[in-house]
Amino acid sequence: MIGFIIWIVGLILTFRAAIKIWNINAAIEKRLIAIVLIVLTSWVGLLFYYFYGKERMGGWLK
């Protein structure tokens, strides 16, 4: 049961991160690559995004 709850939290955070990345004004290819990397790296990608890359993502993708 706890594992399922952790999975749901990860799914929600991944979805929120993908939406925020998608709304950045950058080339569609760069946005898709960033989203795919977040999804494929699972929790490590989410931790990186929320603690380090969130404020910098717009500059990196432009």
C-alpha atoms as a PDB file:
ATOM      1  CA  MET A   1       0.000   0.000   0.000  1.00  0.00           C
ATOM      2  CA  ILE A   2       2.796   2.444   0.865  1.00  0.00           C
ATOM      3  CA  GLY A   3       4.532   1.614  -2.401  1.00  0.00           C
ATOM      4  CA  PHE A   4       1.383   2.447  -4.318  1.00  0.00           C
ATOM      5  CA  ILE A   5       1.074   5.804  -2.549  1.00  0.00           C
ATOM      6  CA  ILE A   6       4.708   6.625  -3.324  1.00  0.00           C
ATOM      7  CA  TRP A   7       4.110   5.676  -6.967  1.00  0.00           C
ATOM      8  CA  ILE A   8       1.046   7.961  -7.164  1.00  0.00           C
ATOM      9  CA  VAL A   9       3.006  10.870  -5.644  1.00  0.00           C
ATOM     10  CA  GLY A  10       5.792  10.325  -8.190  1.00  0.00           C
ATOM     11  CA  LEU A  11       3.284  10.190 -11.011  1.00  0.00           C
ATOM     12  CA  ILE A  12       1.658  13.455  -9.930  1.00  0.00           C
ATOM     13  CA  LEU A  13       5.003  15.234  -9.512  1.00  0.00           C
ATOM     14  CA  THR A  14       6.180  13.982 -12.909  1.00  0.00           C
ATOM     15  CA  PHE A  15       2.978  15.203 -14.541  1.00  0.00           C
ATOM     16  CA  ARG A  16       3.317  18.649 -12.905  1.00  0.00           C
ATOM     17  CA  ALA A  17       6.966  18.920 -13.969  1.00  0.00           C
ATOM     18  CA  ALA A  18       6.095  17.929 -17.545  1.00  0.00           C
ATOM     19  CA  ILE A  19       3.368  20.576 -17.736  1.00  0.00           C
ATOM     20  CA  LYS A  20       5.695  23.283 -16.405  1.00  0.00           C
ATOM     21  CA  ILE A  21       8.406  22.301 -18.890  1.00  0.00           C
ATOM     22  CA  TRP A  22       5.864  22.213 -21.720  1.00  0.00           C
ATOM     23  CA  ASN A  23       4.790  25.794 -20.946  1.00  0.00           C
ATOM     24  CA  ILE A  24       8.343  27.142 -21.349  1.00  0.00           C
ATOM     25  CA  ASN A  25       8.765  29.197 -24.508  1.00  0.00           C
ATOM     26  CA  ALA A  26      11.411  27.076 -26.273  1.00  0.00           C
ATOM     27  CA  ALA A  27      11.768  24.746 -29.241  1.00  0.00           C
ATOM     28  CA  ILE A  28       9.406  21.783 -29.086  1.00  0.00           C
ATOM     29  CA  GLU A  29      12.254  19.272 -29.529  1.00  0.00           C
ATOM     30  CA  LYS A  30      14.130  20.619 -26.517  1.00  0.00           C
ATOM     31  CA  ARG A  31      11.013  20.563 -24.363  1.00  0.00           C
ATOM     32  CA  LEU A  32      10.233  16.969 -25.363  1.00  0.00           C
ATOM     33  CA  ILE A  33      13.802  15.847 -24.621  1.00  0.00           C
ATOM     34  CA  ALA A  34      13.642  17.466 -21.175  1.00  0.00           C
ATOM     35  CA  ILE A  35      10.300  15.812 -20.413  1.00  0.00           C
ATOM     36  CA  VAL A  36      11.500  12.402 -21.588  1.00  0.00           C
ATOM     37  CA  LEU A  37      14.625  12.702 -19.427  1.00  0.00           C
ATOM     38  CA  ILE A  38      12.537  13.556 -16.373  1.00  0.00           C
ATOM     39  CA  VAL A  39      10.255  10.577 -16.998  1.00  0.00           C
ATOM     40  CA  LEU A  40      13.050   8.083 -17.733  1.00  0.00           C
ATOM     41  CA  THR A  41      15.180   9.016 -14.729  1.00  0.00           C
ATOM     42  CA  SER A  42      12.201   8.699 -12.375  1.00  0.00           C
ATOM     43  CA  TRP A  43      12.851   9.959  -8.833  1.00  0.00           C
ATOM     44  CA  VAL A  44      16.405  11.121  -9.566  1.00  0.00           C
ATOM     45  CA  GLY A  45      15.127  13.281 -12.407  1.00  0.00           C
ATOM     46  CA  LEU A  46      12.330  14.672 -10.263  1.00  0.00           C
ATOM     47  CA  LEU A  47      14.691  15.520  -7.418  1.00  0.00           C
ATOM     48  CA  PHE A  48      17.063  17.203  -9.851  1.00  0.00           C
ATOM     49  CA  TYR A  49      14.245  19.176 -11.437  1.00  0.00           C
ATOM     50  CA  TYR A  50      12.573  20.362  -8.239  1.00  0.00           C
ATOM     51  CA  PHE A  51      15.734  21.122  -6.228  1.00  0.00           C
ATOM     52  CA  TYR A  52      18.100  22.434  -8.912  1.00  0.00           C
ATOM     53  CA  GLY A  53      16.687  22.753 -12.412  1.00  0.00           C
ATOM     54  CA  LYS A  54      13.269  24.314 -11.921  1.00  0.00           C
ATOM     55  CA  GLU A  55      14.502  27.917 -11.956  1.00  0.00           C
ATOM     56  CA  ARG A  56      17.178  27.239 -14.582  1.00  0.00           C
ATOM     57  CA  MET A  57      15.173  25.157 -17.056  1.00  0.00           C
ATOM     58  CA  GLY A  58      14.000  28.139 -19.122  1.00  0.00           C
ATOM     59  CA  GLY A  59      17.573  29.305 -19.709  1.00  0.00           C
ATOM     60  CA  TRP A  60      18.786  25.818 -20.554  1.00  0.00           C
ATOM     61  CA  LEU A  61      16.108  25.210 -23.167  1.00  0.00           C
ATOM     62  CA  LYS A  62      16.427  28.520 -25.011  1.00  0.00           C
END
